[in-house]
């Protein structure tokens, strides 16, 4: 599986996944259709705040995560049912966390403890250092805000610092042993 920045071409797959998880998210309507009609996602794509997991064999998007650098938070996260429990969510979350400022608290609004369909998500957040939560309401539904306390961990930095153009070819010369 490949974790990469989402592009405008990935948005239809994001909308389809949002439709798939509408019931789990307790969304009263088709969440994918709503996101599509609002042209949601374009801003996250242009700001490099949306990642996707792509299956190597099929080339299909199997999960997405959105985050906000301004708010230092995870804003949307789901993996297709067929691919849950296989590491896609773990890798998406790990990659997204590298984009956020670990010197500040990182937050996510997620399901409450008593909502069984949200247990896997909550367990994954806990695995990555998110701790007990504050009760919250999101779109009129009871939710929980989990927090990952600030630490001295280093983060990955802005996407521009890792782009191909940011690296000169001199940085990646083969070692002498490899050249001989």
C-alpha atoms as a PDB file:
ATOM      1  CA  UNK A   1       0.000   0.000   0.000  1.00  0.00           C
ATOM      2  CA  UNK A   2       1.140   3.508  -0.817  1.00  0.00           C
ATOM      3  CA  UNK A   3       0.435   6.592   1.320  1.00  0.00           C
ATOM      4  CA  UNK A   4       0.512   9.767  -0.758  1.00  0.00           C
ATOM      5  CA  UNK A   5      -0.928  13.248  -1.013  1.00  0.00           C
ATOM      6  CA  UNK A   6      -4.472  13.244  -2.360  1.00  0.00           C
ATOM      7  CA  UNK A   7      -5.108  15.125  -5.597  1.00  0.00           C
ATOM      8  CA  UNK A   8      -8.225  16.529  -7.223  1.00  0.00           C
ATOM      9  CA  UNK A   9      -8.477  13.238  -9.161  1.00  0.00           C
ATOM     10  CA  UNK A  10      -8.869  11.388  -5.838  1.00  0.00           C
ATOM     11  CA  UNK A  11     -11.869  13.400  -4.666  1.00  0.00           C
ATOM     12  CA  UNK A  12     -14.516  11.149  -6.304  1.00  0.00           C
ATOM     13  CA  UNK A  13     -13.023   8.181  -4.395  1.00  0.00           C
ATOM     14  CA  UNK A  14     -13.140  10.248  -1.170  1.00  0.00           C
ATOM     15  CA  UNK A  15     -16.809  11.068  -1.804  1.00  0.00           C
ATOM     16  CA  UNK A  16     -17.513   7.360  -2.419  1.00  0.00           C
ATOM     17  CA  UNK A  17     -15.794   6.406   0.847  1.00  0.00           C
ATOM     18  CA  UNK A  18     -17.757   9.118   2.674  1.00  0.00           C
ATOM     19  CA  UNK A  19     -20.959   7.582   1.311  1.00  0.00           C
ATOM     20  CA  UNK A  20     -19.799   4.139   2.473  1.00  0.00           C
ATOM     21  CA  UNK A  21     -19.169   5.348   6.036  1.00  0.00           C
ATOM     22  CA  UNK A  22     -22.182   7.685   6.343  1.00  0.00           C
ATOM     23  CA  UNK A  23     -24.011   5.253   8.618  1.00  0.00           C
ATOM     24  CA  UNK A  24     -21.000   4.688  10.879  1.00  0.00           C
ATOM     25  CA  UNK A  25     -20.511   8.453  11.151  1.00  0.00           C
ATOM     26  CA  UNK A  26     -24.237   8.656  12.030  1.00  0.00           C
ATOM     27  CA  UNK A  27     -24.702  11.102   9.187  1.00  0.00           C
ATOM     28  CA  UNK A  28     -28.389  11.655   8.444  1.00  0.00           C
ATOM     29  CA  UNK A  29     -27.895  11.694   4.671  1.00  0.00           C
ATOM     30  CA  UNK A  30     -25.392  10.599   2.038  1.00  0.00           C
ATOM     31  CA  UNK A  31     -22.215  12.242   3.363  1.00  0.00           C
ATOM     32  CA  UNK A  32     -20.387  11.711   0.063  1.00  0.00           C
ATOM     33  CA  UNK A  33     -23.078  13.469  -1.971  1.00  0.00           C
ATOM     34  CA  UNK A  34     -23.081  16.326   0.524  1.00  0.00           C
ATOM     35  CA  UNK A  35     -19.302  16.708   0.371  1.00  0.00           C
ATOM     36  CA  UNK A  36     -19.380  16.542  -3.417  1.00  0.00           C
ATOM     37  CA  UNK A  37     -22.129  19.166  -3.740  1.00  0.00           C
ATOM     38  CA  UNK A  38     -20.134  21.518  -1.492  1.00  0.00           C
ATOM     39  CA  UNK A  39     -16.946  20.830  -3.480  1.00  0.00           C
ATOM     40  CA  UNK A  40     -15.369  19.849  -0.162  1.00  0.00           C
ATOM     41  CA  UNK A  41     -11.857  18.523  -0.249  1.00  0.00           C
ATOM     42  CA  UNK A  42     -10.401  20.902  -2.825  1.00  0.00           C
ATOM     43  CA  UNK A  43      -9.018  23.181  -0.121  1.00  0.00           C
ATOM     44  CA  UNK A  44      -7.489  20.280   1.800  1.00  0.00           C
ATOM     45  CA  UNK A  45      -5.919  18.988  -1.419  1.00  0.00           C
ATOM     46  CA  UNK A  46      -4.472  22.382  -2.354  1.00  0.00           C
ATOM     47  CA  UNK A  47      -3.098  22.914   1.189  1.00  0.00           C
ATOM     48  CA  UNK A  48      -1.614  19.383   1.269  1.00  0.00           C
ATOM     49  CA  UNK A  49      -3.868  18.467   4.185  1.00  0.00           C
ATOM     50  CA  UNK A  50      -5.355  15.272   2.739  1.00  0.00           C
ATOM     51  CA  UNK A  51      -3.597  11.932   2.387  1.00  0.00           C
ATOM     52  CA  UNK A  52      -4.800   8.748   0.763  1.00  0.00           C
ATOM     53  CA  UNK A  53      -3.854   5.103   1.069  1.00  0.00           C
ATOM     54  CA  UNK A  54      -3.726   3.415  -2.333  1.00  0.00           C
ATOM     55  CA  UNK A  55      -3.718  -0.335  -2.954  1.00  0.00           C
ATOM     56  CA  UNK A  56      -0.651  -1.238  -5.043  1.00  0.00           C
ATOM     57  CA  UNK A  57      -2.360  -4.028  -6.959  1.00  0.00           C
ATOM     58  CA  UNK A  58      -5.618  -2.327  -7.922  1.00  0.00           C
ATOM     59  CA  UNK A  59      -4.563   1.314  -7.749  1.00  0.00           C
ATOM     60  CA  UNK A  60      -7.733   2.055  -5.789  1.00  0.00           C
ATOM     61  CA  UNK A  61      -7.976   4.481  -2.905  1.00  0.00           C
ATOM     62  CA  UNK A  62      -8.684   2.492   0.260  1.00  0.00           C
ATOM     63  CA  UNK A  63      -8.620   5.248   2.867  1.00  0.00           C
ATOM     64  CA  UNK A  64      -8.303   8.972   3.450  1.00  0.00           C
ATOM     65  CA  UNK A  65      -7.279  11.256   6.274  1.00  0.00           C
ATOM     66  CA  UNK A  66      -7.663  15.019   6.417  1.00  0.00           C
ATOM     67  CA  UNK A  67      -6.040  17.308   8.944  1.00  0.00           C
ATOM     68  CA  UNK A  68      -5.653  20.986   9.714  1.00  0.00           C
ATOM     69  CA  UNK A  69      -2.249  22.470  10.365  1.00  0.00           C
ATOM     70  CA  UNK A  70      -3.900  25.709  11.544  1.00  0.00           C
ATOM     71  CA  UNK A  71      -5.942  23.888  14.193  1.00  0.00           C
ATOM     72  CA  UNK A  72      -3.360  21.124  14.717  1.00  0.00           C
ATOM     73  CA  UNK A  73      -6.065  18.483  14.412  1.00  0.00           C
ATOM     74  CA  UNK A  74      -7.282  15.450  12.506  1.00  0.00           C
ATOM     75  CA  UNK A  75     -10.483  16.529  10.734  1.00  0.00           C
ATOM     76  CA  UNK A  76     -11.683  13.457   8.778  1.00  0.00           C
ATOM     77  CA  UNK A  77     -10.495   9.859   8.706  1.00  0.00           C
ATOM     78  CA  UNK A  78     -11.874   6.619   7.275  1.00  0.00           C
ATOM     79  CA  UNK A  79     -10.753   3.372   5.660  1.00  0.00           C
ATOM     80  CA  UNK A  80     -12.919   1.278   3.360  1.00  0.00           C
ATOM     81  CA  UNK A  81     -14.553  -1.671   5.126  1.00  0.00           C
ATOM     82  CA  UNK A  82     -12.759  -4.228   2.925  1.00  0.00           C
ATOM     83  CA  UNK A  83      -9.373  -2.877   4.038  1.00  0.00           C
ATOM     84  CA  UNK A  84      -9.900  -2.270   7.755  1.00  0.00           C
ATOM     85  CA  UNK A  85      -7.601  -4.069  10.174  1.00  0.00           C
ATOM     86  CA  UNK A  86      -4.802  -4.371   7.606  1.00  0.00           C
ATOM     87  CA  UNK A  87      -2.680  -1.384   8.614  1.00  0.00           C
ATOM     88  CA  UNK A  88      -3.965   1.302   6.245  1.00  0.00           C
ATOM     89  CA  UNK A  89      -5.461   3.386   9.050  1.00  0.00           C
ATOM     90  CA  UNK A  90      -2.335   3.065  11.161  1.00  0.00           C
ATOM     91  CA  UNK A  91      -0.121   4.246   8.311  1.00  0.00           C
ATOM     92  CA  UNK A  92      -2.462   7.104   7.361  1.00  0.00           C
ATOM     93  CA  UNK A  93      -2.645   8.368  10.934  1.00  0.00           C
ATOM     94  CA  UNK A  94       1.116   8.031  11.472  1.00  0.00           C
ATOM     95  CA  UNK A  95       1.814   9.979   8.270  1.00  0.00           C
ATOM     96  CA  UNK A  96      -0.721  12.695   9.107  1.00  0.00           C
ATOM     97  CA  UNK A  97       0.687  13.128  12.610  1.00  0.00           C
ATOM     98  CA  UNK A  98       4.097  13.838  11.077  1.00  0.00           C
ATOM     99  CA  UNK A  99       2.542  16.845   9.343  1.00  0.00           C
ATOM    100  CA  UNK A 100       1.270  18.384  12.576  1.00  0.00           C
ATOM    101  CA  UNK A 101       3.129  20.321  15.257  1.00  0.00           C
ATOM    102  CA  UNK A 102       3.958  17.842  18.003  1.00  0.00           C
ATOM    103  CA  UNK A 103       5.124  20.687  20.234  1.00  0.00           C
ATOM    104  CA  UNK A 104       1.432  21.537  20.658  1.00  0.00           C
ATOM    105  CA  UNK A 105      -1.550  19.370  21.598  1.00  0.00           C
ATOM    106  CA  UNK A 106      -3.090  17.545  18.626  1.00  0.00           C
ATOM    107  CA  UNK A 107      -6.849  16.974  18.751  1.00  0.00           C
ATOM    108  CA  UNK A 108      -9.442  14.833  17.042  1.00  0.00           C
ATOM    109  CA  UNK A 109     -13.197  14.767  17.470  1.00  0.00           C
ATOM    110  CA  UNK A 110     -14.323  11.149  17.387  1.00  0.00           C
ATOM    111  CA  UNK A 111     -16.971   8.741  18.616  1.00  0.00           C
ATOM    112  CA  UNK A 112     -17.905   8.393  22.261  1.00  0.00           C
ATOM    113  CA  UNK A 113     -16.774   5.386  24.283  1.00  0.00           C
ATOM    114  CA  UNK A 114     -20.238   3.830  24.274  1.00  0.00           C
ATOM    115  CA  UNK A 115     -20.522   3.798  20.442  1.00  0.00           C
ATOM    116  CA  UNK A 116     -19.274   0.316  19.497  1.00  0.00           C
ATOM    117  CA  UNK A 117     -18.751   1.124  15.807  1.00  0.00           C
ATOM    118  CA  UNK A 118     -16.178   3.721  16.848  1.00  0.00           C
ATOM    119  CA  UNK A 119     -14.135   1.399  19.084  1.00  0.00           C
ATOM    120  CA  UNK A 120     -11.489   0.612  16.454  1.00  0.00           C
ATOM    121  CA  UNK A 121     -10.930   4.295  15.682  1.00  0.00           C
ATOM    122  CA  UNK A 122     -10.612   5.153  19.364  1.00  0.00           C
ATOM    123  CA  UNK A 123      -8.167   2.273  19.899  1.00  0.00           C
ATOM    124  CA  UNK A 124      -6.034   3.500  16.994  1.00  0.00           C
ATOM    125  CA  UNK A 125      -5.983   7.049  18.372  1.00  0.00           C
ATOM    126  CA  UNK A 126      -4.958   5.717  21.782  1.00  0.00           C
ATOM    127  CA  UNK A 127      -2.179   3.634  20.174  1.00  0.00           C
ATOM    128  CA  UNK A 128      -0.805   6.884  18.745  1.00  0.00           C
ATOM    129  CA  UNK A 129      -0.795   8.742  22.052  1.00  0.00           C
ATOM    130  CA  UNK A 130      -4.252  10.312  22.190  1.00  0.00           C
ATOM    131  CA  UNK A 131      -5.573  10.304  25.713  1.00  0.00           C
ATOM    132  CA  UNK A 132      -8.793  10.787  27.554  1.00  0.00           C
ATOM    133  CA  UNK A 133     -11.279  13.049  26.154  1.00  0.00           C
ATOM    134  CA  UNK A 134     -13.647  15.908  26.644  1.00  0.00           C
ATOM    135  CA  UNK A 135     -17.329  15.485  25.765  1.00  0.00           C
ATOM    136  CA  UNK A 136     -18.226  17.359  22.588  1.00  0.00           C
ATOM    137  CA  UNK A 137     -21.122  17.796  20.177  1.00  0.00           C
ATOM    138  CA  UNK A 138     -20.514  17.612  16.424  1.00  0.00           C
ATOM    139  CA  UNK A 139     -23.392  18.192  14.005  1.00  0.00           C
ATOM    140  CA  UNK A 140     -25.785  17.685  16.906  1.00  0.00           C
ATOM    141  CA  UNK A 141     -24.322  14.281  17.821  1.00  0.00           C
ATOM    142  CA  UNK A 142     -22.491  13.340  20.999  1.00  0.00           C
ATOM    143  CA  UNK A 143     -18.784  13.047  20.323  1.00  0.00           C
ATOM    144  CA  UNK A 144     -15.567  13.037  22.227  1.00  0.00           C
ATOM    145  CA  UNK A 145     -12.542  15.234  21.696  1.00  0.00           C
ATOM    146  CA  UNK A 146      -9.364  13.244  22.205  1.00  0.00           C
ATOM    147  CA  UNK A 147      -6.049  14.966  22.704  1.00  0.00           C
ATOM    148  CA  UNK A 148      -2.480  13.915  22.036  1.00  0.00           C
ATOM    149  CA  UNK A 149      -0.417  15.954  24.479  1.00  0.00           C
ATOM    150  CA  UNK A 150       2.422  18.116  23.233  1.00  0.00           C
ATOM    151  CA  UNK A 151       5.817  16.435  23.138  1.00  0.00           C
ATOM    152  CA  UNK A 152       9.312  17.112  21.892  1.00  0.00           C
ATOM    153  CA  UNK A 153       8.966  14.669  18.974  1.00  0.00           C
ATOM    154  CA  UNK A 154      10.110  16.032  15.649  1.00  0.00           C
ATOM    155  CA  UNK A 155       7.596  16.386  12.875  1.00  0.00           C
ATOM    156  CA  UNK A 156       8.022  15.853   9.159  1.00  0.00           C
ATOM    157  CA  UNK A 157       7.821  19.553   8.260  1.00  0.00           C
ATOM    158  CA  UNK A 158       5.822  21.161   5.471  1.00  0.00           C
ATOM    159  CA  UNK A 159       5.232  19.167   2.266  1.00  0.00           C
ATOM    160  CA  UNK A 160       7.372  21.611   0.277  1.00  0.00           C
ATOM    161  CA  UNK A 161      10.439  20.502   2.218  1.00  0.00           C
ATOM    162  CA  UNK A 162       9.998  16.934   0.995  1.00  0.00           C
ATOM    163  CA  UNK A 163       9.093  17.608  -2.625  1.00  0.00           C
ATOM    164  CA  UNK A 164      11.341  16.301  -5.379  1.00  0.00           C
ATOM    165  CA  UNK A 165      12.331  19.861  -6.333  1.00  0.00           C
ATOM    166  CA  UNK A 166      13.573  20.542  -2.798  1.00  0.00           C
ATOM    167  CA  UNK A 167      16.324  17.924  -3.105  1.00  0.00           C
ATOM    168  CA  UNK A 168      19.338  18.500  -5.281  1.00  0.00           C
ATOM    169  CA  UNK A 169      20.783  15.530  -7.092  1.00  0.00           C
ATOM    170  CA  UNK A 170      24.054  15.987  -5.169  1.00  0.00           C
ATOM    171  CA  UNK A 171      22.268  14.929  -1.990  1.00  0.00           C
ATOM    172  CA  UNK A 172      21.537  11.514  -3.425  1.00  0.00           C
ATOM    173  CA  UNK A 173      24.845  10.443  -4.947  1.00  0.00           C
ATOM    174  CA  UNK A 174      25.507   6.742  -4.588  1.00  0.00           C
ATOM    175  CA  UNK A 175      28.197   5.853  -2.097  1.00  0.00           C
ATOM    176  CA  UNK A 176      31.673   5.084  -3.404  1.00  0.00           C
ATOM    177  CA  UNK A 177      31.102   1.420  -2.719  1.00  0.00           C
ATOM    178  CA  UNK A 178      27.933   1.472  -4.860  1.00  0.00           C
ATOM    179  CA  UNK A 179      29.693   3.338  -7.700  1.00  0.00           C
ATOM    180  CA  UNK A 180      32.596   0.912  -8.005  1.00  0.00           C
END
